[in-house]
Amino acid sequence: MTHHRALSIAATVTAVLLLSPLASNLRAQPPDSTDAAAVRELRSLKAAYLRCDRAATERVLDMGEAANCSVIYEALLKVGFGGDFKRLLAWWQAERVTEARGERITTP
């Protein structure tokens, strides 16, 4: 196994270990939630998802990156959108339009 592949696997395992408790412990939070920690976590997941989306648009992700992005997607779907893919898709499309205009949505 190459050094790069070992690092990718280690990064994926780390991401799974860090994001799994988040996905299993938090309930889907509405945008107006008073729980500041949950809002920060949701913003963090959304930002990570958008970074994955951008990276996948620009190049082919290696196995570790793809696995990491998959974990982020699953956590965001569960935590941020209550498992509702159509809501996640609508949010993502709005983000893409906003990014294309050179703007930035700052909603949680």
N, C-alpha and C. Protein backbone atom coordinates (compact mmCIF):
# COMPACT_ATOMS: atom_id res chain seq x y z
N MET A 1 0.85 -1.17 0.00
CA MET A 1 0.00 0.00 0.00
C MET A 1 0.90 1.24 0.00
N THR A 2 0.58 2.17 -0.86
CA THR A 2 1.40 3.37 -0.95
C THR A 2 1.13 4.28 0.23
N HIS A 3 2.06 5.17 0.47
CA HIS A 3 1.93 6.13 1.57
C HIS A 3 0.70 7.02 1.38
N HIS A 4 0.47 7.47 0.12
CA HIS A 4 -0.67 8.33 -0.18
C HIS A 4 -1.99 7.61 0.09
N ARG A 5 -2.06 6.35 -0.31
CA ARG A 5 -3.29 5.57 -0.09
C ARG A 5 -3.52 5.36 1.40
N ALA A 6 -2.48 5.10 2.16
CA ALA A 6 -2.62 4.92 3.60
C ALA A 6 -3.12 6.21 4.25
N LEU A 7 -2.61 7.35 3.79
CA LEU A 7 -3.09 8.63 4.32
C LEU A 7 -4.55 8.87 3.97
N SER A 8 -4.95 8.51 2.75
CA SER A 8 -6.35 8.67 2.34
C SER A 8 -7.26 7.82 3.21
N ILE A 9 -6.86 6.59 3.47
CA ILE A 9 -7.66 5.70 4.30
C ILE A 9 -7.73 6.26 5.72
N ALA A 10 -6.62 6.74 6.23
CA ALA A 10 -6.61 7.32 7.57
C ALA A 10 -7.52 8.55 7.64
N ALA A 11 -7.51 9.38 6.61
CA ALA A 11 -8.37 10.56 6.59
C ALA A 11 -9.84 10.16 6.55
N THR A 12 -10.15 9.14 5.79
CA THR A 12 -11.54 8.67 5.71
C THR A 12 -12.00 8.12 7.06
N VAL A 13 -11.18 7.31 7.69
CA VAL A 13 -11.53 6.76 8.99
C VAL A 13 -11.72 7.88 10.00
N THR A 14 -10.85 8.86 9.98
CA THR A 14 -10.97 10.00 10.89
C THR A 14 -12.27 10.75 10.64
N ALA A 15 -12.60 10.99 9.39
CA ALA A 15 -13.85 11.69 9.06
C ALA A 15 -15.06 10.91 9.55
N VAL A 16 -15.05 9.61 9.35
CA VAL A 16 -16.17 8.78 9.81
C VAL A 16 -16.30 8.86 11.32
N LEU A 17 -15.18 8.75 12.01
CA LEU A 17 -15.22 8.80 13.46
C LEU A 17 -15.69 10.17 13.99
N LEU A 18 -15.29 11.23 13.31
CA LEU A 18 -15.69 12.57 13.74
C LEU A 18 -17.13 12.89 13.39
N LEU A 19 -17.60 12.47 12.23
CA LEU A 19 -18.94 12.83 11.79
C LEU A 19 -20.03 11.87 12.23
N SER A 20 -19.68 10.63 12.54
CA SER A 20 -20.70 9.66 12.95
C SER A 20 -21.45 10.09 14.20
N PRO A 21 -20.77 10.54 15.25
CA PRO A 21 -21.53 11.00 16.42
C PRO A 21 -22.43 12.18 16.10
N LEU A 22 -21.97 13.05 15.24
CA LEU A 22 -22.77 14.20 14.85
C LEU A 22 -24.05 13.74 14.17
N ALA A 23 -23.93 12.83 13.24
CA ALA A 23 -25.10 12.36 12.50
C ALA A 23 -26.04 11.56 13.39
N SER A 24 -25.52 10.83 14.36
CA SER A 24 -26.38 9.99 15.18
C SER A 24 -26.95 10.72 16.40
N ASN A 25 -26.29 11.77 16.87
CA ASN A 25 -26.74 12.44 18.08
C ASN A 25 -27.63 13.64 17.84
N LEU A 26 -27.46 14.33 16.73
CA LEU A 26 -28.25 15.51 16.48
C LEU A 26 -29.51 15.17 15.72
N ARG A 27 -30.56 15.86 16.03
CA ARG A 27 -31.80 15.74 15.26
C ARG A 27 -31.76 16.82 14.18
N ALA A 28 -32.59 16.67 13.16
CA ALA A 28 -32.65 17.71 12.13
C ALA A 28 -33.07 19.01 12.78
N GLN A 29 -32.31 20.05 12.55
CA GLN A 29 -32.55 21.33 13.18
C GLN A 29 -33.13 22.31 12.16
N PRO A 30 -34.22 22.97 12.50
CA PRO A 30 -34.72 24.01 11.60
C PRO A 30 -33.77 25.18 11.60
N PRO A 31 -33.80 25.99 10.54
CA PRO A 31 -32.87 27.11 10.44
C PRO A 31 -32.96 28.10 11.59
N ASP A 32 -34.12 28.21 12.26
CA ASP A 32 -34.26 29.18 13.33
C ASP A 32 -33.99 28.57 14.71
N SER A 33 -33.28 27.47 14.75
CA SER A 33 -32.98 26.79 16.00
C SER A 33 -32.22 27.71 16.95
N THR A 34 -32.54 27.60 18.23
CA THR A 34 -31.84 28.41 19.23
C THR A 34 -30.57 27.72 19.72
N ASP A 35 -30.34 26.50 19.33
CA ASP A 35 -29.15 25.78 19.74
C ASP A 35 -27.97 26.21 18.86
N ALA A 36 -27.17 27.12 19.39
CA ALA A 36 -26.06 27.69 18.61
C ALA A 36 -25.06 26.64 18.16
N ALA A 37 -24.81 25.64 18.99
CA ALA A 37 -23.85 24.59 18.61
C ALA A 37 -24.37 23.79 17.42
N ALA A 38 -25.65 23.49 17.41
CA ALA A 38 -26.23 22.74 16.30
C ALA A 38 -26.19 23.56 15.02
N VAL A 39 -26.42 24.86 15.13
CA VAL A 39 -26.37 25.74 13.96
C VAL A 39 -24.95 25.79 13.42
N ARG A 40 -23.96 25.89 14.30
CA ARG A 40 -22.55 25.90 13.86
C ARG A 40 -22.18 24.59 13.17
N GLU A 41 -22.63 23.48 13.74
CA GLU A 41 -22.33 22.18 13.14
C GLU A 41 -22.98 22.06 11.77
N LEU A 42 -24.22 22.55 11.65
CA LEU A 42 -24.90 22.49 10.37
C LEU A 42 -24.19 23.36 9.34
N ARG A 43 -23.77 24.54 9.73
CA ARG A 43 -23.01 25.40 8.81
C ARG A 43 -21.72 24.72 8.38
N SER A 44 -21.07 24.06 9.32
CA SER A 44 -19.82 23.36 9.03
C SER A 44 -20.06 22.22 8.03
N LEU A 45 -21.13 21.45 8.23
CA LEU A 45 -21.45 20.37 7.30
C LEU A 45 -21.77 20.92 5.91
N LYS A 46 -22.54 21.99 5.86
CA LYS A 46 -22.88 22.59 4.56
C LYS A 46 -21.64 23.08 3.84
N ALA A 47 -20.75 23.73 4.57
CA ALA A 47 -19.52 24.23 3.96
C ALA A 47 -18.66 23.07 3.46
N ALA A 48 -18.55 22.01 4.24
CA ALA A 48 -17.77 20.84 3.83
C ALA A 48 -18.38 20.19 2.59
N TYR A 49 -19.71 20.11 2.57
CA TYR A 49 -20.40 19.53 1.40
C TYR A 49 -20.11 20.36 0.15
N LEU A 50 -20.18 21.67 0.28
CA LEU A 50 -19.93 22.54 -0.87
C LEU A 50 -18.48 22.44 -1.34
N ARG A 51 -17.54 22.27 -0.40
CA ARG A 51 -16.14 22.07 -0.80
C ARG A 51 -16.00 20.77 -1.58
N CYS A 52 -16.67 19.72 -1.13
CA CYS A 52 -16.65 18.45 -1.85
C CYS A 52 -17.24 18.62 -3.24
N ASP A 53 -18.35 19.31 -3.32
CA ASP A 53 -19.00 19.54 -4.60
C ASP A 53 -18.07 20.27 -5.55
N ARG A 54 -17.43 21.32 -5.06
CA ARG A 54 -16.50 22.09 -5.89
C ARG A 54 -15.34 21.23 -6.35
N ALA A 55 -14.77 20.46 -5.43
CA ALA A 55 -13.63 19.61 -5.77
C ALA A 55 -14.02 18.56 -6.82
N ALA A 56 -15.19 17.96 -6.65
CA ALA A 56 -15.63 16.92 -7.59
C ALA A 56 -15.95 17.51 -8.96
N THR A 57 -16.29 18.79 -9.00
CA THR A 57 -16.55 19.46 -10.28
C THR A 57 -15.24 19.75 -11.01
N GLU A 58 -14.18 19.98 -10.25
CA GLU A 58 -12.90 20.37 -10.83
C GLU A 58 -12.00 19.19 -11.20
N ARG A 59 -12.17 18.06 -10.52
CA ARG A 59 -11.27 16.93 -10.75
C ARG A 59 -11.92 15.64 -10.24
N VAL A 60 -11.31 14.53 -10.58
CA VAL A 60 -11.76 13.24 -10.08
C VAL A 60 -11.20 13.07 -8.67
N LEU A 61 -12.08 12.80 -7.73
CA LEU A 61 -11.65 12.60 -6.34
C LEU A 61 -11.02 11.23 -6.18
N ASP A 62 -10.00 11.15 -5.33
CA ASP A 62 -9.45 9.83 -5.06
C ASP A 62 -10.39 9.09 -4.11
N MET A 63 -10.12 7.83 -3.86
CA MET A 63 -11.02 7.00 -3.08
C MET A 63 -11.27 7.57 -1.67
N GLY A 64 -10.22 8.05 -1.03
CA GLY A 64 -10.36 8.60 0.31
C GLY A 64 -11.22 9.85 0.33
N GLU A 65 -10.97 10.74 -0.63
CA GLU A 65 -11.77 11.97 -0.71
C GLU A 65 -13.23 11.65 -1.00
N ALA A 66 -13.47 10.73 -1.91
CA ALA A 66 -14.84 10.36 -2.25
C ALA A 66 -15.56 9.76 -1.05
N ALA A 67 -14.87 8.92 -0.31
CA ALA A 67 -15.48 8.33 0.89
C ALA A 67 -15.78 9.40 1.93
N ASN A 68 -14.84 10.31 2.11
CA ASN A 68 -15.03 11.41 3.06
C ASN A 68 -16.23 12.26 2.66
N CYS A 69 -16.33 12.59 1.38
CA CYS A 69 -17.45 13.40 0.89
C CYS A 69 -18.77 12.65 1.04
N SER A 70 -18.75 11.36 0.88
CA SER A 70 -19.96 10.56 1.05
C SER A 70 -20.45 10.60 2.50
N VAL A 71 -19.52 10.52 3.43
CA VAL A 71 -19.87 10.61 4.85
C VAL A 71 -20.46 11.99 5.15
N ILE A 72 -19.85 13.02 4.61
CA ILE A 72 -20.35 14.38 4.81
C ILE A 72 -21.76 14.52 4.24
N TYR A 73 -21.97 14.00 3.04
CA TYR A 73 -23.30 14.04 2.42
C TYR A 73 -24.34 13.36 3.30
N GLU A 74 -24.05 12.17 3.76
CA GLU A 74 -25.01 11.43 4.58
C GLU A 74 -25.32 12.17 5.88
N ALA A 75 -24.30 12.74 6.51
CA ALA A 75 -24.52 13.49 7.75
C ALA A 75 -25.36 14.73 7.47
N LEU A 76 -25.06 15.45 6.40
CA LEU A 76 -25.82 16.65 6.06
C LEU A 76 -27.27 16.30 5.74
N LEU A 77 -27.48 15.26 4.97
CA LEU A 77 -28.83 14.84 4.62
C LEU A 77 -29.64 14.55 5.89
N LYS A 78 -29.05 13.83 6.82
CA LYS A 78 -29.75 13.45 8.04
C LYS A 78 -29.92 14.62 9.00
N VAL A 79 -28.83 15.31 9.28
CA VAL A 79 -28.84 16.37 10.29
C VAL A 79 -29.49 17.65 9.78
N GLY A 80 -29.15 18.03 8.57
CA GLY A 80 -29.61 19.31 8.06
C GLY A 80 -30.97 19.29 7.39
N PHE A 81 -31.34 18.13 6.85
CA PHE A 81 -32.56 18.08 6.05
C PHE A 81 -33.50 16.95 6.46
N GLY A 82 -33.25 16.36 7.61
CA GLY A 82 -34.14 15.32 8.13
C GLY A 82 -34.32 14.15 7.19
N GLY A 83 -33.32 13.88 6.35
CA GLY A 83 -33.39 12.77 5.42
C GLY A 83 -34.14 13.10 4.13
N ASP A 84 -34.57 14.34 3.98
CA ASP A 84 -35.36 14.75 2.80
C ASP A 84 -34.42 15.19 1.67
N PHE A 85 -34.20 14.28 0.72
CA PHE A 85 -33.29 14.56 -0.38
C PHE A 85 -33.74 15.76 -1.21
N LYS A 86 -35.04 15.91 -1.41
CA LYS A 86 -35.53 17.02 -2.23
C LYS A 86 -35.20 18.37 -1.59
N ARG A 87 -35.25 18.46 -0.28
CA ARG A 87 -34.87 19.71 0.41
C ARG A 87 -33.38 19.97 0.25
N LEU A 88 -32.57 18.92 0.40
CA LEU A 88 -31.12 19.08 0.21
C LEU A 88 -30.84 19.52 -1.21
N LEU A 89 -31.50 18.92 -2.18
CA LEU A 89 -31.29 19.26 -3.58
C LEU A 89 -31.67 20.72 -3.85
N ALA A 90 -32.79 21.17 -3.30
CA ALA A 90 -33.22 22.56 -3.49
C ALA A 90 -32.20 23.52 -2.89
N TRP A 91 -31.69 23.20 -1.70
CA TRP A 91 -30.67 24.05 -1.06
C TRP A 91 -29.41 24.10 -1.93
N TRP A 92 -28.97 22.92 -2.39
CA TRP A 92 -27.75 22.84 -3.21
C TRP A 92 -27.91 23.65 -4.49
N GLN A 93 -29.07 23.54 -5.14
CA GLN A 93 -29.29 24.29 -6.37
C GLN A 93 -29.26 25.80 -6.11
N ALA A 94 -29.86 26.23 -5.01
CA ALA A 94 -29.82 27.65 -4.65
C ALA A 94 -28.39 28.11 -4.39
N GLU A 95 -27.61 27.28 -3.75
CA GLU A 95 -26.20 27.61 -3.48
C GLU A 95 -25.42 27.73 -4.79
N ARG A 96 -25.67 26.84 -5.73
CA ARG A 96 -24.97 26.88 -7.02
C ARG A 96 -25.31 28.16 -7.79
N VAL A 97 -26.59 28.53 -7.79
CA VAL A 97 -27.00 29.76 -8.48
C VAL A 97 -26.34 30.96 -7.82
N THR A 98 -26.36 30.99 -6.50
CA THR A 98 -25.76 32.10 -5.76
C THR A 98 -24.27 32.18 -6.02
N GLU A 99 -23.59 31.04 -6.02
CA GLU A 99 -22.15 31.01 -6.28
C GLU A 99 -21.85 31.50 -7.68
N ALA A 100 -22.67 31.12 -8.64
CA ALA A 100 -22.47 31.55 -10.03
C ALA A 100 -22.61 33.06 -10.17
N ARG A 101 -23.43 33.64 -9.34
CA ARG A 101 -23.62 35.10 -9.36
C ARG A 101 -22.52 35.82 -8.58
N GLY A 102 -21.67 35.06 -7.90
CA GLY A 102 -20.61 35.67 -7.12
C GLY A 102 -21.08 36.13 -5.75
N GLU A 103 -22.23 35.63 -5.33
CA GLU A 103 -22.78 35.96 -4.01
C GLU A 103 -22.52 34.79 -3.08
N ARG A 104 -22.92 34.96 -1.85
CA ARG A 104 -22.76 33.90 -0.86
C ARG A 104 -23.95 33.89 0.06
N ILE A 105 -24.63 32.76 0.17
CA ILE A 105 -25.74 32.61 1.11
C ILE A 105 -25.14 32.31 2.47
N THR A 106 -25.60 32.97 3.50
CA THR A 106 -25.04 32.75 4.84
C THR A 106 -26.07 32.13 5.77
N THR A 107 -27.09 31.49 5.24
CA THR A 107 -28.07 30.86 6.09
C THR A 107 -27.52 29.56 6.64
N PRO A 108 -27.97 29.19 7.82
CA PRO A 108 -27.50 27.93 8.41
C PRO A 108 -28.03 26.73 7.68
